Amino acid sequence: MSKSIFYHAGCPVCISAEHDVIDLIGHSNVQIVHLGNDKSKIDEAVRAGVKSVPALVTPKGNVLHINFGASMAEVIG
């Protein structure tokens, strides 16, 4: 993986964190995945170690959970 992946669910906490991440590392360095709109990516996020959103998965596979917005259980529904 060459880019970080930012997973979120579209809540205000997630959107605010998305803007901050883009400002910090640049849009070209991060793939944005809205799990509310693309539920097919939920399993991918869980396999990567995402426990809650918003979360940033680094190119080395580290998961950075940012300002708790929703648990993956809530995202899965």
PDB file of N, CA and C in Angstrom:
ATOM      1  N   MET A   1       0.850  -1.170   0.000  1.00  0.00           N
ATOM      2  CA  MET A   1       0.000   0.000   0.000  1.00  0.00           C
ATOM      3  C   MET A   1       0.896   1.232   0.000  1.00  0.00           C
ATOM      4  N   SER A   2       0.686   2.129  -0.939  1.00  0.00           N
ATOM      5  CA  SER A   2       1.525   3.317  -1.027  1.00  0.00           C
ATOM      6  C   SER A   2       0.867   4.550  -0.417  1.00  0.00           C
ATOM      7  N   LYS A   3      -0.450   4.533  -0.272  1.00  0.00           N
ATOM      8  CA  LYS A   3      -1.189   5.645   0.320  1.00  0.00           C
ATOM      9  C   LYS A   3      -1.750   5.220   1.665  1.00  0.00           C
ATOM     10  N   SER A   4      -1.991   6.199   2.519  1.00  0.00           N
ATOM     11  CA  SER A   4      -2.777   5.943   3.711  1.00  0.00           C
ATOM     12  C   SER A   4      -4.234   5.806   3.277  1.00  0.00           C
ATOM     13  N   ILE A   5      -5.033   5.116   4.093  1.00  0.00           N
ATOM     14  CA  ILE A   5      -6.464   4.992   3.819  1.00  0.00           C
ATOM     15  C   ILE A   5      -7.210   5.553   5.021  1.00  0.00           C
ATOM     16  N   PHE A   6      -8.084   6.513   4.770  1.00  0.00           N
ATOM     17  CA  PHE A   6      -8.887   7.125   5.814  1.00  0.00           C
ATOM     18  C   PHE A   6     -10.297   6.578   5.710  1.00  0.00           C
ATOM     19  N   TYR A   7     -10.708   5.833   6.730  1.00  0.00           N
ATOM     20  CA  TYR A   7     -12.052   5.250   6.780  1.00  0.00           C
ATOM     21  C   TYR A   7     -12.934   6.125   7.661  1.00  0.00           C
ATOM     22  N   HIS A   8     -14.157   6.380   7.188  1.00  0.00           N
ATOM     23  CA  HIS A   8     -15.110   7.120   8.010  1.00  0.00           C
ATOM     24  C   HIS A   8     -16.530   6.737   7.630  1.00  0.00           C
ATOM     25  N   ALA A   9     -17.479   7.246   8.428  1.00  0.00           N
ATOM     26  CA  ALA A   9     -18.875   6.883   8.210  1.00  0.00           C
ATOM     27  C   ALA A   9     -19.753   8.081   7.874  1.00  0.00           C
ATOM     28  N   GLY A  10     -19.155   9.240   7.696  1.00  0.00           N
ATOM     29  CA  GLY A  10     -19.921  10.398   7.253  1.00  0.00           C
ATOM     30  C   GLY A  10     -20.474  11.287   8.345  1.00  0.00           C
ATOM     31  N   CYS A  11     -20.225  10.963   9.610  1.00  0.00           N
ATOM     32  CA  CYS A  11     -20.728  11.798  10.704  1.00  0.00           C
ATOM     33  C   CYS A  11     -19.912  13.095  10.769  1.00  0.00           C
ATOM     34  N   PRO A  12     -20.393  14.102  11.486  1.00  0.00           N
ATOM     35  CA  PRO A  12     -19.650  15.366  11.579  1.00  0.00           C
ATOM     36  C   PRO A  12     -18.226  15.204  12.123  1.00  0.00           C
ATOM     37  N   VAL A  13     -18.021  14.316  13.095  1.00  0.00           N
ATOM     38  CA  VAL A  13     -16.679  14.062  13.625  1.00  0.00           C
ATOM     39  C   VAL A  13     -15.789  13.528  12.513  1.00  0.00           C
ATOM     40  N   CYS A  14     -16.311  12.595  11.721  1.00  0.00           N
ATOM     41  CA  CYS A  14     -15.544  11.991  10.635  1.00  0.00           C
ATOM     42  C   CYS A  14     -15.196  13.002   9.545  1.00  0.00           C
ATOM     43  N   ILE A  15     -16.149  13.821   9.175  1.00  0.00           N
ATOM     44  CA  ILE A  15     -15.922  14.804   8.110  1.00  0.00           C
ATOM     45  C   ILE A  15     -14.874  15.827   8.556  1.00  0.00           C
ATOM     46  N   SER A  16     -14.956  16.269   9.799  1.00  0.00           N
ATOM     47  CA  SER A  16     -13.966  17.205  10.327  1.00  0.00           C
ATOM     48  C   SER A  16     -12.575  16.580  10.319  1.00  0.00           C
ATOM     49  N   ALA A  17     -12.484  15.327  10.772  1.00  0.00           N
ATOM     50  CA  ALA A  17     -11.198  14.628  10.780  1.00  0.00           C
ATOM     51  C   ALA A  17     -10.680  14.417   9.358  1.00  0.00           C
ATOM     52  N   GLU A  18     -11.572  14.124   8.412  1.00  0.00           N
ATOM     53  CA  GLU A  18     -11.162  13.954   7.009  1.00  0.00           C
ATOM     54  C   GLU A  18     -10.483  15.216   6.498  1.00  0.00           C
ATOM     55  N   HIS A  19     -11.079  16.372   6.757  1.00  0.00           N
ATOM     56  CA  HIS A  19     -10.499  17.631   6.303  1.00  0.00           C
ATOM     57  C   HIS A  19      -9.130  17.862   6.938  1.00  0.00           C
ATOM     58  N   ASP A  20      -9.001  17.554   8.226  1.00  0.00           N
ATOM     59  CA  ASP A  20      -7.715  17.729   8.908  1.00  0.00           C
ATOM     60  C   ASP A  20      -6.649  16.797   8.341  1.00  0.00           C
ATOM     61  N   VAL A  21      -7.018  15.543   8.082  1.00  0.00           N
ATOM     62  CA  VAL A  21      -6.061  14.583   7.525  1.00  0.00           C
ATOM     63  C   VAL A  21      -5.590  15.047   6.151  1.00  0.00           C
ATOM     64  N   ILE A  22      -6.513  15.477   5.326  1.00  0.00           N
ATOM     65  CA  ILE A  22      -6.143  15.964   3.990  1.00  0.00           C
ATOM     66  C   ILE A  22      -5.229  17.178   4.103  1.00  0.00           C
ATOM     67  N   ASP A  23      -5.547  18.098   5.024  1.00  0.00           N
ATOM     68  CA  ASP A  23      -4.689  19.271   5.223  1.00  0.00           C
ATOM     69  C   ASP A  23      -3.290  18.866   5.686  1.00  0.00           C
ATOM     70  N   LEU A  24      -3.205  17.837   6.525  1.00  0.00           N
ATOM     71  CA  LEU A  24      -1.921  17.414   7.083  1.00  0.00           C
ATOM     72  C   LEU A  24      -1.047  16.651   6.092  1.00  0.00           C
ATOM     73  N   ILE A  25      -1.646  15.689   5.377  1.00  0.00           N
ATOM     74  CA  ILE A  25      -0.807  14.821   4.545  1.00  0.00           C
ATOM     75  C   ILE A  25      -1.035  14.984   3.047  1.00  0.00           C
ATOM     76  N   GLY A  26      -2.052  15.752   2.675  1.00  0.00           N
ATOM     77  CA  GLY A  26      -2.304  16.003   1.259  1.00  0.00           C
ATOM     78  C   GLY A  26      -3.251  14.983   0.645  1.00  0.00           C
ATOM     79  N   HIS A  27      -4.150  15.474  -0.189  1.00  0.00           N
ATOM     80  CA  HIS A  27      -5.169  14.615  -0.801  1.00  0.00           C
ATOM     81  C   HIS A  27      -4.559  13.505  -1.648  1.00  0.00           C
ATOM     82  N   SER A  28      -3.428  13.779  -2.284  1.00  0.00           N
ATOM     83  CA  SER A  28      -2.810  12.772  -3.147  1.00  0.00           C
ATOM     84  C   SER A  28      -2.144  11.641  -2.352  1.00  0.00           C
ATOM     85  N   ASN A  29      -2.028  11.808  -1.036  1.00  0.00           N
ATOM     86  CA  ASN A  29      -1.384  10.798  -0.198  1.00  0.00           C
ATOM     87  C   ASN A  29      -2.357   9.954   0.604  1.00  0.00           C
ATOM     88  N   VAL A  30      -3.648  10.181   0.405  1.00  0.00           N
ATOM     89  CA  VAL A  30      -4.645   9.451   1.193  1.00  0.00           C
ATOM     90  C   VAL A  30      -5.835   9.069   0.320  1.00  0.00           C
ATOM     91  N   GLN A  31      -6.294   7.845   0.516  1.00  0.00           N
ATOM     92  CA  GLN A  31      -7.527   7.372  -0.127  1.00  0.00           C
ATOM     93  C   GLN A  31      -8.634   7.522   0.903  1.00  0.00           C
ATOM     94  N   ILE A  32      -9.721   8.170   0.547  1.00  0.00           N
ATOM     95  CA  ILE A  32     -10.846   8.374   1.451  1.00  0.00           C
ATOM     96  C   ILE A  32     -11.891   7.299   1.181  1.00  0.00           C
ATOM     97  N   VAL A  33     -12.291   6.591   2.247  1.00  0.00           N
ATOM     98  CA  VAL A  33     -13.316   5.546   2.110  1.00  0.00           C
ATOM     99  C   VAL A  33     -14.455   5.879   3.072  1.00  0.00           C
ATOM    100  N   HIS A  34     -15.612   6.202   2.513  1.00  0.00           N
ATOM    101  CA  HIS A  34     -16.828   6.500   3.279  1.00  0.00           C
ATOM    102  C   HIS A  34     -17.591   5.178   3.407  1.00  0.00           C
ATOM    103  N   LEU A  35     -17.522   4.574   4.579  1.00  0.00           N
ATOM    104  CA  LEU A  35     -18.115   3.252   4.771  1.00  0.00           C
ATOM    105  C   LEU A  35     -19.638   3.288   4.726  1.00  0.00           C
ATOM    106  N   GLY A  36     -20.238   4.436   4.976  1.00  0.00           N
ATOM    107  CA  GLY A  36     -21.690   4.557   4.854  1.00  0.00           C
ATOM    108  C   GLY A  36     -22.139   4.471   3.412  1.00  0.00           C
ATOM    109  N   ASN A  37     -21.302   4.956   2.501  1.00  0.00           N
ATOM    110  CA  ASN A  37     -21.625   4.925   1.075  1.00  0.00           C
ATOM    111  C   ASN A  37     -21.083   3.695   0.369  1.00  0.00           C
ATOM    112  N   ASP A  38     -20.024   3.097   0.918  1.00  0.00           N
ATOM    113  CA  ASP A  38     -19.380   1.942   0.274  1.00  0.00           C
ATOM    114  C   ASP A  38     -19.227   0.814   1.284  1.00  0.00           C
ATOM    115  N   LYS A  39     -20.339   0.164   1.588  1.00  0.00           N
ATOM    116  CA  LYS A  39     -20.346  -0.902   2.596  1.00  0.00           C
ATOM    117  C   LYS A  39     -19.481  -2.095   2.193  1.00  0.00           C
ATOM    118  N   SER A  40     -19.144  -2.215   0.916  1.00  0.00           N
ATOM    119  CA  SER A  40     -18.289  -3.320   0.470  1.00  0.00           C
ATOM    120  C   SER A  40     -16.883  -3.211   1.050  1.00  0.00           C
ATOM    121  N   LYS A  41     -16.512  -2.050   1.569  1.00  0.00           N
ATOM    122  CA  LYS A  41     -15.179  -1.832   2.138  1.00  0.00           C
ATOM    123  C   LYS A  41     -15.121  -2.112   3.638  1.00  0.00           C
ATOM    124  N   ILE A  42     -16.255  -2.446   4.266  1.00  0.00           N
ATOM    125  CA  ILE A  42     -16.278  -2.682   5.709  1.00  0.00           C
ATOM    126  C   ILE A  42     -15.376  -3.847   6.093  1.00  0.00           C
ATOM    127  N   ASP A  43     -15.471  -4.964   5.392  1.00  0.00           N
ATOM    128  CA  ASP A  43     -14.621  -6.117   5.714  1.00  0.00           C
ATOM    129  C   ASP A  43     -13.144  -5.770   5.570  1.00  0.00           C
ATOM    130  N   GLU A  44     -12.798  -5.011   4.548  1.00  0.00           N
ATOM    131  CA  GLU A  44     -11.421  -4.568   4.340  1.00  0.00           C
ATOM    132  C   GLU A  44     -10.932  -3.753   5.542  1.00  0.00           C
ATOM    133  N   ALA A  45     -11.772  -2.849   6.020  1.00  0.00           N
ATOM    134  CA  ALA A  45     -11.413  -2.017   7.169  1.00  0.00           C
ATOM    135  C   ALA A  45     -11.217  -2.870   8.421  1.00  0.00           C
ATOM    136  N   VAL A  46     -12.121  -3.800   8.653  1.00  0.00           N
ATOM    137  CA  VAL A  46     -12.015  -4.684   9.820  1.00  0.00           C
ATOM    138  C   VAL A  46     -10.741  -5.522   9.734  1.00  0.00           C
ATOM    139  N   ARG A  47     -10.447  -6.081   8.571  1.00  0.00           N
ATOM    140  CA  ARG A  47      -9.219  -6.879   8.392  1.00  0.00           C
ATOM    141  C   ARG A  47      -7.966  -6.037   8.640  1.00  0.00           C
ATOM    142  N   ALA A  48      -8.033  -4.749   8.318  1.00  0.00           N
ATOM    143  CA  ALA A  48      -6.893  -3.850   8.531  1.00  0.00           C
ATOM    144  C   ALA A  48      -6.710  -3.502  10.002  1.00  0.00           C
ATOM    145  N   GLY A  49      -7.738  -3.797  10.826  1.00  0.00           N
ATOM    146  CA  GLY A  49      -7.633  -3.524  12.261  1.00  0.00           C
ATOM    147  C   GLY A  49      -8.430  -2.328  12.739  1.00  0.00           C
ATOM    148  N   VAL A  50      -9.275  -1.774  11.883  1.00  0.00           N
ATOM    149  CA  VAL A  50     -10.089  -0.634  12.266  1.00  0.00           C
ATOM    150  C   VAL A  50     -11.157  -1.091  13.259  1.00  0.00           C
ATOM    151  N   LYS A  51     -11.174  -0.445  14.424  1.00  0.00           N
ATOM    152  CA  LYS A  51     -12.138  -0.769  15.489  1.00  0.00           C
ATOM    153  C   LYS A  51     -13.232   0.286  15.597  1.00  0.00           C
ATOM    154  N   SER A  52     -12.919   1.492  15.146  1.00  0.00           N
ATOM    155  CA  SER A  52     -13.873   2.591  15.164  1.00  0.00           C
ATOM    156  C   SER A  52     -13.479   3.578  14.071  1.00  0.00           C
ATOM    157  N   VAL A  53     -14.431   4.412  13.712  1.00  0.00           N
ATOM    158  CA  VAL A  53     -14.148   5.448  12.718  1.00  0.00           C
ATOM    159  C   VAL A  53     -14.366   6.805  13.368  1.00  0.00           C
ATOM    160  N   PRO A  54     -13.654   7.803  12.934  1.00  0.00           N
ATOM    161  CA  PRO A  54     -12.697   7.824  11.842  1.00  0.00           C
ATOM    162  C   PRO A  54     -11.385   7.135  12.218  1.00  0.00           C
ATOM    163  N   ALA A  55     -10.738   6.560  11.216  1.00  0.00           N
ATOM    164  CA  ALA A  55      -9.453   5.889  11.421  1.00  0.00           C
ATOM    165  C   ALA A  55      -8.608   6.029  10.165  1.00  0.00           C
ATOM    166  N   LEU A  56      -7.310   6.140  10.393  1.00  0.00           N
ATOM    167  CA  LEU A  56      -6.355   6.245   9.296  1.00  0.00           C
ATOM    168  C   LEU A  56      -5.444   5.030   9.345  1.00  0.00           C
ATOM    169  N   VAL A  57      -5.369   4.299   8.244  1.00  0.00           N
ATOM    170  CA  VAL A  57      -4.459   3.166   8.132  1.00  0.00           C
ATOM    171  C   VAL A  57      -3.264   3.652   7.313  1.00  0.00           C
ATOM    172  N   THR A  58      -2.088   3.575   7.921  1.00  0.00           N
ATOM    173  CA  THR A  58      -0.875   4.082   7.269  1.00  0.00           C
ATOM    174  C   THR A  58      -0.362   3.077   6.244  1.00  0.00           C
ATOM    175  N   PRO A  59       0.531   3.511   5.354  1.00  0.00           N
ATOM    176  CA  PRO A  59       1.089   2.584   4.363  1.00  0.00           C
ATOM    177  C   PRO A  59       1.797   1.376   4.991  1.00  0.00           C
ATOM    178  N   LYS A  60       2.270   1.512   6.230  1.00  0.00           N
ATOM    179  CA  LYS A  60       2.922   0.396   6.916  1.00  0.00           C
ATOM    180  C   LYS A  60       1.930  -0.482   7.666  1.00  0.00           C
ATOM    181  N   GLY A  61       0.642  -0.145   7.598  1.00  0.00           N
ATOM    182  CA  GLY A  61      -0.392  -0.966   8.219  1.00  0.00           C
ATOM    183  C   GLY A  61      -0.761  -0.577   9.634  1.00  0.00           C
ATOM    184  N   ASN A  62      -0.209   0.515  10.138  1.00  0.00           N
ATOM    185  CA  ASN A  62      -0.608   0.988  11.467  1.00  0.00           C
ATOM    186  C   ASN A  62      -1.986   1.619  11.386  1.00  0.00           C
ATOM    187  N   VAL A  63      -2.812   1.379  12.401  1.00  0.00           N
ATOM    188  CA  VAL A  63      -4.155   1.951  12.442  1.00  0.00           C
ATOM    189  C   VAL A  63      -4.179   3.056  13.492  1.00  0.00           C
ATOM    190  N   LEU A  64      -4.504   4.252  13.041  1.00  0.00           N
ATOM    191  CA  LEU A  64      -4.592   5.405  13.928  1.00  0.00           C
ATOM    192  C   LEU A  64      -6.070   5.753  14.086  1.00  0.00           C
ATOM    193  N   HIS A  65      -6.620   5.451  15.266  1.00  0.00           N
ATOM    194  CA  HIS A  65      -8.019   5.777  15.542  1.00  0.00           C
ATOM    195  C   HIS A  65      -8.084   7.230  15.992  1.00  0.00           C
ATOM    196  N   ILE A  66      -8.959   7.995  15.362  1.00  0.00           N
ATOM    197  CA  ILE A  66      -9.003   9.439  15.546  1.00  0.00           C
ATOM    198  C   ILE A  66     -10.352   9.845  16.147  1.00  0.00           C
ATOM    199  N   ASN A  67     -10.324  10.489  17.290  1.00  0.00           N
ATOM    200  CA  ASN A  67     -11.512  11.147  17.853  1.00  0.00           C
ATOM    201  C   ASN A  67     -12.794  10.333  17.631  1.00  0.00           C
ATOM    202  N   PHE A  68     -13.021   9.327  18.430  1.00  0.00           N
ATOM    203  CA  PHE A  68     -14.106   8.356  18.282  1.00  0.00           C
ATOM    204  C   PHE A  68     -15.401   8.966  17.754  1.00  0.00           C
ATOM    205  N   GLY A  69     -15.861   8.431  16.645  1.00  0.00           N
ATOM    206  CA  GLY A  69     -17.135   8.845  16.045  1.00  0.00           C
ATOM    207  C   GLY A  69     -18.157   7.721  16.115  1.00  0.00           C
ATOM    208  N   ALA A  70     -17.749   6.483  15.746  1.00  0.00           N
ATOM    209  CA  ALA A  70     -18.647   5.326  15.780  1.00  0.00           C
ATOM    210  C   ALA A  70     -17.825   4.051  15.792  1.00  0.00           C
ATOM    211  N   SER A  71     -18.324   3.056  16.513  1.00  0.00           N
ATOM    212  CA  SER A  71     -17.665   1.750  16.505  1.00  0.00           C
ATOM    213  C   SER A  71     -17.975   1.047  15.192  1.00  0.00           C
ATOM    214  N   MET A  72     -17.156   0.075  14.852  1.00  0.00           N
ATOM    215  CA  MET A  72     -17.424  -0.697  13.628  1.00  0.00           C
ATOM    216  C   MET A  72     -18.750  -1.445  13.757  1.00  0.00           C
ATOM    217  N   ALA A  73     -19.121  -1.858  14.962  1.00  0.00           N
ATOM    218  CA  ALA A  73     -20.411  -2.517  15.161  1.00  0.00           C
ATOM    219  C   ALA A  73     -21.552  -1.585  14.748  1.00  0.00           C
ATOM    220  N   GLU A  74     -21.411  -0.306  15.068  1.00  0.00           N
ATOM    221  CA  GLU A  74     -22.431   0.680  14.673  1.00  0.00           C
ATOM    222  C   GLU A  74     -22.429   0.883  13.155  1.00  0.00           C
ATOM    223  N   VAL A  75     -21.249   0.872  12.564  1.00  0.00           N
ATOM    224  CA  VAL A  75     -21.146   1.035  11.109  1.00  0.00           C
ATOM    225  C   VAL A  75     -21.770  -0.153  10.393  1.00  0.00           C
ATOM    226  N   ILE A  76     -21.486  -1.349  10.904  1.00  0.00           N
ATOM    227  CA  ILE A  76     -22.015  -2.574  10.292  1.00  0.00           C
ATOM    228  C   ILE A  76     -23.540  -2.599  10.418  1.00  0.00           C
ATOM    229  N   GLY A  77     -24.040  -2.109  11.563  1.00  0.00           N
ATOM    230  CA  GLY A  77     -25.489  -2.014  11.776  1.00  0.00           C
ATOM    231  C   GLY A  77     -26.044  -3.241  12.314  1.00  0.00           C
TER     232      GLY A  77
END
